[in-house]
């Protein structure tokens, strides 16, 4: 197969600026890397945080995108895990050092020197990309490209957030019912949980979407649920929701913050935290999260509600995500 020397890519030149369609060289795979022809790439809130300058150390200029579905078209020295022509997925965690204390403890998601796809290295808002083969996932055949893309971050981070809620959970709250919540609510429903969906006040469209996805109840984030929650998962990057979730969970309940960035959490009375309530965050993901999620997803089956965009419309997708105008997940078809 003869590969082109250049490719189309959407470049971020500086924070708070529009992405720029550019013709740049096709990257070359290094040792242990695969070269992928990108077929689809999801658009994530993390991409938005990078564009808006809330994540402050991106590689610039940068090709965003960390929910990549691609076909292996080249391999670097020593790369042999995937054959040419095989379809793989690339997540946010691009690689780790493998030697720091966190990695040695089996907590690679907390690595001291991580590489993040579409942040510290170029990602999938392009026709080709390279990735460390150790951190790629084989994808279930049951999923088309556009359906698999949201699973690689919204699904994986959502799944880790869900598992952090613990085992003894029956009544589960979702604060922010977008890409991650609508996927993981399907897993929770499959496992017999009651689903309570909380949206922006007055957002009837999002509430109706949640009910269509199997939620038992949907309402404003400032309203108490019909019963105390065993756990609450926060996917919207809104700090005051932590306080609302603490009000909603029972004694011993857990509030899990699933995003990489959140606005400041306001002060609140200790009484909301007392009685052994827990607030915890989720950072990145591990390869084990991916293996577990891709094993369970086809059994549910987890299905993404997707809006597709061409590569050159990446800014449009980001703007819709910023304004709350998306239902489900956005995916660029490359």
Protein backbone atom coordinates (compact mmCIF):
# COMPACT_ATOMS: atom_id res chain seq x y z
CA UNK A 1 0.00 0.00 0.00
CA UNK A 2 1.41 3.36 -1.07
CA UNK A 3 0.75 6.04 1.52
CA UNK A 4 0.45 9.76 0.78
CA UNK A 5 3.13 12.10 2.08
CA UNK A 6 0.70 14.69 3.38
CA UNK A 7 -2.73 14.62 5.01
CA UNK A 8 -5.56 16.90 6.05
CA UNK A 9 -5.72 17.77 9.74
CA UNK A 10 -7.56 20.22 11.98
CA UNK A 11 -4.92 22.17 13.91
CA UNK A 12 -5.22 24.14 17.15
CA UNK A 13 -2.61 26.91 16.95
CA UNK A 14 -3.42 28.58 20.27
CA UNK A 15 -6.01 28.27 23.03
CA UNK A 16 -9.32 30.07 22.47
CA UNK A 17 -8.81 30.15 18.70
CA UNK A 18 -10.68 28.28 15.96
CA UNK A 19 -9.23 25.07 14.57
CA UNK A 20 -7.49 25.44 11.22
CA UNK A 21 -7.76 22.97 8.33
CA UNK A 22 -4.17 22.31 7.22
CA UNK A 23 -2.14 20.01 5.00
CA UNK A 24 0.65 18.50 7.10
CA UNK A 25 3.06 15.55 6.71
CA UNK A 26 1.75 12.05 7.44
CA UNK A 27 3.45 11.01 10.71
CA UNK A 28 5.92 8.15 10.75
CA UNK A 29 5.58 5.40 13.38
CA UNK A 30 8.44 5.10 15.84
CA UNK A 31 9.50 1.98 17.74
CA UNK A 32 6.50 0.13 19.12
CA UNK A 33 4.06 2.41 17.32
CA UNK A 34 1.43 1.78 14.67
CA UNK A 35 0.41 4.16 11.91
CA UNK A 36 -3.36 4.36 11.60
CA UNK A 37 -5.61 5.59 8.86
CA UNK A 38 -8.29 7.35 10.87
CA UNK A 39 -11.84 6.24 10.13
CA UNK A 40 -13.69 8.12 12.88
CA UNK A 41 -12.83 10.21 15.93
CA UNK A 42 -15.12 11.23 18.76
CA UNK A 43 -15.37 14.81 20.01
CA UNK A 44 -15.05 15.06 23.80
CA UNK A 45 -15.48 17.63 26.57
CA UNK A 46 -11.73 17.26 27.15
CA UNK A 47 -11.12 18.56 23.62
CA UNK A 48 -13.25 21.55 24.57
CA UNK A 49 -11.27 22.12 27.77
CA UNK A 50 -8.07 22.16 25.70
CA UNK A 51 -9.46 24.58 23.13
CA UNK A 52 -10.85 26.86 25.85
CA UNK A 53 -7.50 26.99 27.67
CA UNK A 54 -8.71 25.17 30.79
CA UNK A 55 -6.08 22.44 30.30
CA UNK A 56 -2.98 24.54 30.11
CA UNK A 57 -0.09 22.48 28.73
CA UNK A 58 -1.06 21.21 25.27
CA UNK A 59 1.45 20.54 22.54
CA UNK A 60 1.06 23.37 20.03
CA UNK A 61 0.19 23.35 17.24
CA UNK A 62 -1.98 20.37 18.14
CA UNK A 63 -4.16 17.83 16.40
CA UNK A 64 -6.94 17.16 18.92
CA UNK A 65 -8.91 13.93 19.30
CA UNK A 66 -8.55 10.92 21.59
CA UNK A 67 -11.47 8.67 20.67
CA UNK A 68 -9.86 7.30 17.52
CA UNK A 69 -11.00 4.39 15.39
CA UNK A 70 -8.43 3.55 12.75
CA UNK A 71 -6.96 0.87 10.52
CA UNK A 72 -3.33 -0.19 10.89
CA UNK A 73 -1.46 0.79 7.72
CA UNK A 74 2.11 0.85 9.03
CA UNK A 75 4.25 -0.34 11.95
CA UNK A 76 7.41 0.93 13.57
CA UNK A 77 10.35 -1.15 14.69
CA UNK A 78 9.33 -3.90 17.09
CA UNK A 79 5.59 -3.35 16.66
CA UNK A 80 3.83 -6.65 16.07
CA UNK A 81 0.73 -6.71 18.24
CA UNK A 82 -1.63 -5.80 15.38
CA UNK A 83 -1.58 -6.90 11.77
CA UNK A 84 -1.83 -4.53 8.83
CA UNK A 85 -5.49 -3.88 8.05
CA UNK A 86 -6.69 -4.54 11.61
CA UNK A 87 -9.09 -2.02 13.16
CA UNK A 88 -8.09 -0.63 16.56
CA UNK A 89 -9.14 2.08 18.99
CA UNK A 90 -6.93 4.72 20.60
CA UNK A 91 -7.94 6.25 23.97
CA UNK A 92 -6.90 9.32 25.98
CA UNK A 93 -4.06 7.52 27.80
CA UNK A 94 -1.47 7.23 25.06
CA UNK A 95 1.37 5.69 27.08
CA UNK A 96 3.06 5.69 30.48
CA UNK A 97 6.63 5.46 31.74
CA UNK A 98 5.98 2.08 33.41
CA UNK A 99 8.58 2.78 36.09
CA UNK A 100 7.20 5.51 38.39
CA UNK A 101 5.69 4.61 41.80
CA UNK A 102 2.13 4.79 40.46
CA UNK A 103 2.88 2.46 37.56
CA UNK A 104 4.64 0.03 39.87
CA UNK A 105 1.53 0.01 42.09
CA UNK A 106 -0.62 -0.91 39.09
CA UNK A 107 -2.10 2.60 38.87
CA UNK A 108 -0.95 3.50 35.39
CA UNK A 109 -3.75 6.08 35.15
CA UNK A 110 -1.82 8.09 37.75
CA UNK A 111 1.56 7.82 36.00
CA UNK A 112 4.00 10.64 36.78
CA UNK A 113 5.02 10.99 33.13
CA UNK A 114 1.98 10.11 31.01
CA UNK A 115 1.42 10.77 27.33
CA UNK A 116 -2.10 11.87 26.45
CA UNK A 117 -3.54 11.42 22.97
CA UNK A 118 -4.63 14.68 21.38
CA UNK A 119 -2.95 16.74 24.12
CA UNK A 120 0.73 15.93 24.61
CA UNK A 121 0.90 14.19 21.21
CA UNK A 122 -1.22 14.63 18.09
CA UNK A 123 -4.55 12.84 17.98
CA UNK A 124 -7.29 11.87 15.57
CA UNK A 125 -8.73 15.06 14.04
CA UNK A 126 -6.71 14.08 10.96
CA UNK A 127 -6.53 11.49 8.20
CA UNK A 128 -3.63 9.60 9.85
CA UNK A 129 -2.15 9.31 13.31
CA UNK A 130 0.41 7.23 15.20
CA UNK A 131 -0.12 5.46 18.52
CA UNK A 132 1.72 3.23 20.98
CA UNK A 133 0.40 -0.25 20.14
CA UNK A 134 0.46 -1.28 23.83
CA UNK A 135 -2.24 1.26 24.61
CA UNK A 136 -4.53 0.52 21.65
CA UNK A 137 -7.60 -1.67 21.95
CA UNK A 138 -8.96 -4.25 19.52
CA UNK A 139 -12.58 -3.27 18.89
CA UNK A 140 -15.60 -5.60 18.92
CA UNK A 141 -16.88 -6.38 15.44
CA UNK A 142 -20.41 -5.56 16.63
CA UNK A 143 -19.64 -1.82 16.46
CA UNK A 144 -19.42 0.31 13.34
CA UNK A 145 -16.69 2.95 13.32
CA UNK A 146 -18.90 5.87 14.37
CA UNK A 147 -20.51 3.79 17.12
CA UNK A 148 -17.18 2.58 18.50
CA UNK A 149 -15.56 6.05 18.70
CA UNK A 150 -17.54 7.39 21.71
CA UNK A 151 -16.81 4.21 23.63
CA UNK A 152 -13.09 5.09 23.70
CA UNK A 153 -13.47 7.96 26.17
CA UNK A 154 -17.09 8.62 27.08
CA UNK A 155 -17.48 4.87 27.48
CA UNK A 156 -14.15 4.09 29.16
CA UNK A 157 -14.01 7.03 31.56
CA UNK A 158 -17.71 6.62 32.22
CA UNK A 159 -17.18 2.95 33.05
CA UNK A 160 -14.32 3.73 35.45
CA UNK A 161 -16.50 6.40 37.10
CA UNK A 162 -19.33 3.91 37.44
CA UNK A 163 -17.11 1.26 39.01
CA UNK A 164 -15.73 3.83 41.48
CA UNK A 165 -19.24 4.14 42.94
CA UNK A 166 -18.78 0.73 44.55
CA UNK A 167 -20.69 -2.52 44.71
CA UNK A 168 -23.69 -1.81 46.95
CA UNK A 169 -25.48 0.61 44.66
CA UNK A 170 -29.12 0.37 43.67
CA UNK A 171 -30.21 4.01 43.22
CA UNK A 172 -27.72 5.80 40.98
CA UNK A 173 -27.73 9.47 39.98
CA UNK A 174 -26.23 10.91 36.79
CA UNK A 175 -25.47 14.64 36.85
CA UNK A 176 -25.10 15.73 33.24
CA UNK A 177 -26.70 13.36 30.76
CA UNK A 178 -24.49 13.57 27.70
CA UNK A 179 -22.02 11.31 25.93
CA UNK A 180 -20.70 9.39 28.96
CA UNK A 181 -23.91 9.21 30.97
CA UNK A 182 -26.09 7.88 28.17
CA UNK A 183 -23.62 5.04 27.56
CA UNK A 184 -23.02 4.05 31.18
CA UNK A 185 -26.69 4.33 32.10
CA UNK A 186 -27.20 1.41 29.72
CA UNK A 187 -24.66 -0.67 31.65
CA UNK A 188 -26.26 0.33 34.96
CA UNK A 189 -29.72 -0.59 33.66
CA UNK A 190 -28.36 -3.93 32.43
CA UNK A 191 -27.04 -4.57 35.94
CA UNK A 192 -30.39 -3.76 37.54
CA UNK A 193 -29.78 -0.26 38.91
CA UNK A 194 -32.39 2.50 39.24
CA UNK A 195 -31.35 5.46 37.10
CA UNK A 196 -31.96 9.08 38.13
CA UNK A 197 -30.88 11.69 35.55
CA UNK A 198 -30.16 15.31 36.47
CA UNK A 199 -29.85 18.01 33.80
CA UNK A 200 -29.55 21.77 33.54
CA UNK A 201 -32.66 23.37 35.05
CA UNK A 202 -35.43 23.47 32.46
CA UNK A 203 -33.63 21.33 29.87
CA UNK A 204 -36.63 19.25 28.92
CA UNK A 205 -34.95 17.90 25.77
CA UNK A 206 -32.11 16.35 27.81
CA UNK A 207 -34.56 14.98 30.36
CA UNK A 208 -36.68 13.36 27.66
CA UNK A 209 -33.50 11.93 26.12
CA UNK A 210 -32.58 10.40 29.48
CA UNK A 211 -36.02 8.83 29.84
CA UNK A 212 -35.73 7.37 26.34
CA UNK A 213 -32.41 5.85 27.40
CA UNK A 214 -34.13 4.03 30.26
CA UNK A 215 -33.88 6.46 33.19
CA UNK A 216 -36.49 5.88 35.89
CA UNK A 217 -36.68 9.62 36.59
CA UNK A 218 -35.25 12.80 35.05
CA UNK A 219 -35.31 16.33 36.44
CA UNK A 220 -33.42 19.51 37.21
CA UNK A 221 -30.07 19.25 38.98
CA UNK A 222 -31.39 21.47 41.78
CA UNK A 223 -34.32 19.15 42.57
CA UNK A 224 -34.20 16.28 45.08
CA UNK A 225 -34.68 12.80 43.55
CA UNK A 226 -37.67 10.66 44.58
CA UNK A 227 -35.45 8.67 46.95
CA UNK A 228 -31.96 9.09 48.44
CA UNK A 229 -29.20 8.01 46.07
CA UNK A 230 -26.66 5.34 46.90
CA UNK A 231 -24.19 7.06 44.60
CA UNK A 232 -24.00 9.99 42.20
CA UNK A 233 -21.83 10.26 39.10
CA UNK A 234 -20.99 13.79 37.97
CA UNK A 235 -20.16 14.14 34.28
CA UNK A 236 -20.93 17.85 33.79
CA UNK A 237 -17.86 20.03 34.56
CA UNK A 238 -19.81 22.14 37.06
CA UNK A 239 -18.42 22.38 40.59
CA UNK A 240 -21.70 23.32 42.35
CA UNK A 241 -23.12 19.95 41.29
CA UNK A 242 -20.89 18.32 43.90
CA UNK A 243 -22.88 20.12 46.58
CA UNK A 244 -26.21 19.18 45.00
CA UNK A 245 -25.10 15.54 44.74
CA UNK A 246 -24.04 15.46 48.40
CA UNK A 247 -27.51 16.65 49.34
CA UNK A 248 -29.02 13.81 47.30
CA UNK A 249 -26.96 10.82 48.50
CA UNK A 250 -27.78 8.77 51.59
CA UNK A 251 -25.55 8.25 54.62
CA UNK A 252 -22.43 6.46 53.42
CA UNK A 253 -23.18 7.48 49.83
CA UNK A 254 -20.52 8.19 47.22
CA UNK A 255 -20.17 11.16 44.85
CA UNK A 256 -17.79 10.46 41.94
CA UNK A 257 -16.48 13.29 39.74
CA UNK A 258 -15.80 11.81 36.32
CA UNK A 259 -14.30 14.76 34.43
CA UNK A 260 -10.72 15.85 33.90
CA UNK A 261 -11.66 19.47 34.60
CA UNK A 262 -14.37 21.06 36.72
CA UNK A 263 -15.21 24.60 37.79
CA UNK A 264 -14.55 25.45 41.43
CA UNK A 265 -16.54 23.60 44.06
CA UNK A 266 -18.22 26.11 46.38
CA UNK A 267 -17.96 25.83 50.14
CA UNK A 268 -20.61 23.77 51.86
CA UNK A 269 -21.50 22.82 55.45
CA UNK A 270 -19.69 19.85 56.92
CA UNK A 271 -23.07 18.27 57.67
CA UNK A 272 -23.39 17.39 53.96
CA UNK A 273 -20.19 15.33 54.08
CA UNK A 274 -20.69 13.89 57.55
CA UNK A 275 -22.17 10.40 58.08
CA UNK A 276 -19.38 8.89 55.99
CA UNK A 277 -20.33 10.33 52.64
CA UNK A 278 -17.44 10.23 50.16
CA UNK A 279 -16.38 12.58 47.36
CA UNK A 280 -13.79 11.22 44.94
CA UNK A 281 -12.41 11.95 41.49
CA UNK A 282 -11.52 9.81 38.50
CA UNK A 283 -8.26 10.37 36.64
CA UNK A 284 -7.74 9.00 33.15
CA UNK A 285 -8.15 5.23 32.67
CA UNK A 286 -6.22 1.99 32.73
CA UNK A 287 -5.91 -0.64 30.05
CA UNK A 288 -7.78 -2.99 32.36
CA UNK A 289 -10.77 -0.58 32.28
CA UNK A 290 -10.80 -0.91 28.52
CA UNK A 291 -10.56 -4.68 28.54
CA UNK A 292 -13.44 -4.96 31.02
CA UNK A 293 -15.64 -2.42 29.27
CA UNK A 294 -15.20 -3.85 25.78
CA UNK A 295 -16.04 -7.27 27.20
CA UNK A 296 -19.33 -6.10 28.72
CA UNK A 297 -20.44 -3.49 26.14
CA UNK A 298 -21.56 -5.96 23.42
CA UNK A 299 -23.52 -7.98 25.99
CA UNK A 300 -25.71 -5.04 27.05
CA UNK A 301 -25.43 -4.00 24.18
CA UNK A 302 -24.22 -0.44 24.76
CA UNK A 303 -25.37 1.77 21.88
CA UNK A 304 -24.25 5.35 21.34
CA UNK A 305 -26.57 8.10 20.18
CA UNK A 306 -24.32 9.78 17.61
CA UNK A 307 -24.29 12.97 15.57
CA UNK A 308 -21.69 12.83 12.79
CA UNK A 309 -19.67 15.65 11.26
CA UNK A 310 -17.04 15.79 8.50
CA UNK A 311 -13.46 16.47 9.58
CA UNK A 312 -13.58 20.11 8.51
CA UNK A 313 -16.64 20.71 10.73
CA UNK A 314 -14.78 19.93 13.97
CA UNK A 315 -15.29 23.50 15.22
CA UNK A 316 -19.02 23.21 14.65
CA UNK A 317 -19.13 20.04 16.74
CA UNK A 318 -17.09 21.69 19.53
CA UNK A 319 -19.37 24.75 19.55
CA UNK A 320 -22.47 22.57 19.83
CA UNK A 321 -20.86 20.68 22.69
CA UNK A 322 -20.02 23.95 24.43
CA UNK A 323 -23.57 25.28 24.12
CA UNK A 324 -25.27 22.03 25.17
CA UNK A 325 -26.74 21.60 21.71
CA UNK A 326 -25.69 17.98 21.25
CA UNK A 327 -27.78 14.92 22.00
CA UNK A 328 -25.51 12.01 22.83
CA UNK A 329 -22.02 12.05 21.29
CA UNK A 330 -20.38 13.88 18.38
CA UNK A 331 -18.13 11.96 15.99
CA UNK A 332 -15.98 13.17 13.11
CA UNK A 333 -16.11 10.89 10.09
CA UNK A 334 -12.71 11.09 8.42
